[in-house]
Amino acid sequence: MRFATLGPEGSNHALVLGRYLDKHGMLARDADAEVHLFETFPEAFDALLDGRVDRVLQCSAHFSHADCVGRTMHRAFPVDTFVAGSQPLALLARAEVAAPVSVGLQPATRHYTDLSTFTEQRDYATIVDVADALLAGEIDAGICPRETLERHSQALRLVEDLGPALDVWVLYGTRPLPESHPLVVA
């Protein structure tokens, strides 16, 4: 079985897909699960529709969720749903910036905390991209994995600990569930 989700490695999508596969015993040595990480969800859904992958996992809070559902209507179908927490998140700032003015974020995190003190907000595809931009000095602050602070404690400082987000996740396939399936409410 070939699974797809949003990359890169270290993203919440990759993390939660790994947890899902582990919970269902698909990461065992004899399991035949492959994971494919894509830069965008339209690419992942195209791979599903073309038969290059068998399933796509997407967080319902992801900014492209509604577009992907609409674009693939009657061709990609929800086959499983579950609730999972993200990795702990934090609003971090570069240590040398006393009063940050620019903040980076993945659009789904925009309302996780009050960002009104920042005069510039920049959107990034993933929280990993936010961390990379923060470390590269492209932005003064960003909402990214809290572990970024532990790995770069000299370069970054904690502004606010946000903890994990609890979201609904949807696994898509190319055949709809039968009406008798417990997830289907007819």
Protein backbone atom coordinates (compact mmCIF):
# COMPACT_ATOMS: atom_id res chain seq x y z
CA MET A 1 0.00 0.00 0.00
CA ARG A 2 1.39 3.39 -1.04
CA PHE A 3 0.52 6.39 1.16
CA ALA A 4 1.02 10.06 0.32
CA THR A 5 0.92 13.23 2.36
CA LEU A 6 2.55 16.63 2.58
CA GLY A 7 6.27 16.76 3.23
CA PRO A 8 8.95 17.45 4.05
CA GLU A 9 10.09 14.92 6.64
CA GLY A 10 9.43 16.50 10.03
CA SER A 11 6.13 18.08 8.99
CA ASN A 12 3.00 17.33 11.01
CA HIS A 13 1.54 15.48 8.04
CA ALA A 14 4.55 13.14 7.87
CA LEU A 15 4.49 12.70 11.66
CA VAL A 16 0.78 11.87 11.85
CA LEU A 17 0.95 9.52 8.85
CA GLY A 18 3.75 7.64 10.63
CA ARG A 19 1.62 7.38 13.78
CA TYR A 20 -1.36 6.15 11.72
CA LEU A 21 0.71 3.48 9.96
CA ASP A 22 2.27 2.40 13.26
CA LYS A 23 -1.12 2.15 14.99
CA HIS A 24 -2.43 -0.04 12.17
CA GLY A 25 0.68 -2.25 12.15
CA MET A 26 1.78 -1.07 8.72
CA LEU A 27 5.30 -0.13 9.82
CA ALA A 28 6.20 -3.66 10.89
CA ARG A 29 9.18 -5.24 9.13
CA ASP A 30 6.96 -7.44 6.98
CA ALA A 31 4.45 -4.70 6.16
CA ASP A 32 4.36 -3.39 2.62
CA ALA A 33 3.66 0.32 3.30
CA GLU A 34 5.45 2.99 1.28
CA VAL A 35 5.33 6.67 2.20
CA HIS A 36 5.56 9.36 -0.47
CA LEU A 37 5.92 12.99 0.61
CA PHE A 38 4.74 15.71 -1.76
CA GLU A 39 5.36 19.45 -1.80
CA THR A 40 1.68 20.25 -2.39
CA PHE A 41 -1.63 18.48 -1.93
CA PRO A 42 -2.73 18.94 -5.55
CA GLU A 43 0.36 16.89 -6.49
CA ALA A 44 -0.51 14.21 -3.94
CA PHE A 45 -4.13 13.99 -5.11
CA ASP A 46 -2.98 13.83 -8.75
CA ALA A 47 -0.78 10.87 -7.76
CA LEU A 48 -3.81 9.22 -6.13
CA LEU A 49 -6.00 9.73 -9.19
CA ASP A 50 -3.20 8.52 -11.51
CA GLY A 51 -2.70 5.35 -9.43
CA ARG A 52 0.83 6.21 -8.30
CA VAL A 53 -0.33 6.07 -4.64
CA ASP A 54 -3.23 4.28 -2.97
CA ARG A 55 -4.08 6.73 -0.17
CA VAL A 56 -3.62 10.42 0.65
CA LEU A 57 -3.69 11.72 4.23
CA GLN A 58 -4.72 15.35 4.74
CA CYS A 59 -5.46 17.42 7.82
CA SER A 60 -8.89 19.01 7.53
CA ALA A 61 -7.42 22.28 8.85
CA HIS A 62 -4.95 22.54 5.97
CA PHE A 63 -5.66 25.60 3.82
CA SER A 64 -5.96 23.50 0.64
CA HIS A 65 -8.43 20.96 2.06
CA ALA A 66 -11.62 22.43 0.60
CA ASP A 67 -10.02 22.96 -2.82
CA CYS A 68 -8.72 19.38 -2.92
CA VAL A 69 -12.12 17.97 -1.94
CA GLY A 70 -13.87 20.05 -4.61
CA ARG A 71 -11.29 19.40 -7.30
CA THR A 72 -11.43 15.62 -6.84
CA MET A 73 -15.17 15.22 -6.18
CA HIS A 74 -16.50 11.83 -7.33
CA ARG A 75 -12.91 10.62 -7.91
CA ALA A 76 -11.28 10.72 -4.45
CA PHE A 77 -13.26 9.60 -1.40
CA PRO A 78 -12.76 9.69 2.38
CA VAL A 79 -12.01 6.14 3.53
CA ASP A 80 -10.98 6.84 7.13
CA THR A 81 -11.00 9.71 9.62
CA PHE A 82 -9.41 10.18 13.02
CA VAL A 83 -8.31 12.79 15.54
CA ALA A 84 -4.61 13.36 16.21
CA GLY A 85 -2.44 15.96 17.86
CA SER A 86 0.38 17.73 16.08
CA GLN A 87 3.86 17.98 17.41
CA PRO A 88 4.10 20.73 20.04
CA LEU A 89 4.29 24.16 18.44
CA ALA A 90 5.73 27.45 19.62
CA LEU A 91 6.04 31.05 18.57
CA LEU A 92 9.81 31.49 18.35
CA ALA A 93 11.92 34.54 17.56
CA ARG A 94 15.51 35.03 16.52
CA ALA A 95 17.53 35.68 19.70
CA GLU A 96 19.19 38.85 18.36
CA VAL A 97 15.86 40.51 17.44
CA ALA A 98 14.53 42.34 20.49
CA ALA A 99 11.26 43.49 18.92
CA PRO A 100 10.26 41.19 16.03
CA VAL A 101 8.13 42.78 13.30
CA SER A 102 7.81 39.92 10.77
CA VAL A 103 6.27 36.55 11.56
CA GLY A 104 6.09 33.41 9.45
CA LEU A 105 3.30 30.87 9.68
CA GLN A 106 1.57 28.03 7.96
CA PRO A 107 -1.93 29.46 7.26
CA ALA A 108 -3.74 26.93 9.47
CA THR A 109 -1.78 28.28 12.48
CA ARG A 110 -2.74 31.93 11.88
CA HIS A 111 -5.14 32.10 14.84
CA TYR A 112 -3.22 29.95 17.33
CA THR A 113 -2.09 33.09 19.15
CA ASP A 114 -2.39 36.88 18.98
CA LEU A 115 -0.13 38.09 16.15
CA SER A 116 -1.34 41.71 16.22
CA THR A 117 2.08 43.05 17.30
CA PHE A 118 3.65 41.89 14.03
CA THR A 119 3.41 44.34 11.13
CA GLU A 120 4.24 41.70 8.51
CA GLN A 121 2.92 38.14 8.20
CA ARG A 122 4.36 35.69 5.67
CA ASP A 123 2.73 32.41 4.73
CA TYR A 124 4.73 29.21 4.27
CA ALA A 125 3.59 25.78 3.09
CA THR A 126 4.61 23.93 6.26
CA ILE A 127 5.79 24.59 9.81
CA VAL A 128 9.16 23.10 8.74
CA ASP A 129 9.42 25.82 6.08
CA VAL A 130 8.68 28.42 8.77
CA ALA A 131 11.50 27.05 10.94
CA ASP A 132 13.89 27.08 7.98
CA ALA A 133 12.97 30.70 7.13
CA LEU A 134 13.41 31.73 10.76
CA LEU A 135 16.86 30.13 10.97
CA ALA A 136 17.84 31.69 7.62
CA GLY A 137 16.96 35.16 8.94
CA GLU A 138 14.14 35.70 6.42
CA ILE A 139 11.68 36.45 9.25
CA ASP A 140 12.03 37.70 12.82
CA ALA A 141 9.63 35.18 14.38
CA GLY A 142 7.54 32.18 13.41
CA ILE A 143 5.10 29.52 14.52
CA CYS A 144 7.00 26.28 14.12
CA PRO A 145 7.85 23.02 15.91
CA ARG A 146 8.91 23.69 19.49
CA GLU A 147 11.77 21.23 19.04
CA THR A 148 13.37 23.83 16.75
CA LEU A 149 14.23 25.79 19.91
CA GLU A 150 15.96 22.80 21.51
CA ARG A 151 18.06 22.23 18.37
CA HIS A 152 18.94 25.94 17.99
CA SER A 153 18.83 27.33 21.53
CA GLN A 154 21.61 29.87 20.91
CA ALA A 155 19.95 31.33 17.80
CA LEU A 156 16.31 31.33 18.93
CA ARG A 157 14.20 32.28 21.93
CA LEU A 158 10.73 31.27 23.07
CA VAL A 159 8.02 33.91 22.71
CA GLU A 160 5.07 31.64 23.49
CA ASP A 161 4.63 27.89 23.95
CA LEU A 162 1.53 26.84 21.98
CA GLY A 163 1.49 23.08 22.55
CA PRO A 164 0.04 20.58 20.07
CA ALA A 165 -2.99 21.29 17.89
CA LEU A 166 -5.74 18.67 17.94
CA ASP A 167 -7.14 18.18 14.44
CA VAL A 168 -9.34 15.93 12.33
CA TRP A 169 -7.44 13.96 9.69
CA VAL A 170 -8.92 12.42 6.54
CA LEU A 171 -7.52 9.49 4.57
CA TYR A 172 -8.59 9.42 0.90
CA GLY A 173 -8.79 6.59 -1.62
CA THR A 174 -10.31 6.15 -5.07
CA ARG A 175 -13.31 4.03 -4.12
CA PRO A 176 -16.10 5.20 -1.80
CA LEU A 177 -16.93 3.28 1.34
CA PRO A 178 -20.04 1.10 1.09
CA GLU A 179 -23.19 2.57 2.65
CA SER A 180 -23.03 -0.19 5.27
CA HIS A 181 -19.64 1.04 6.59
CA PRO A 182 -19.77 2.48 10.14
CA LEU A 183 -18.21 5.78 8.97
CA VAL A 184 -21.01 6.36 6.46
CA VAL A 185 -24.14 8.16 7.65
CA ALA A 186 -26.73 7.88 4.91
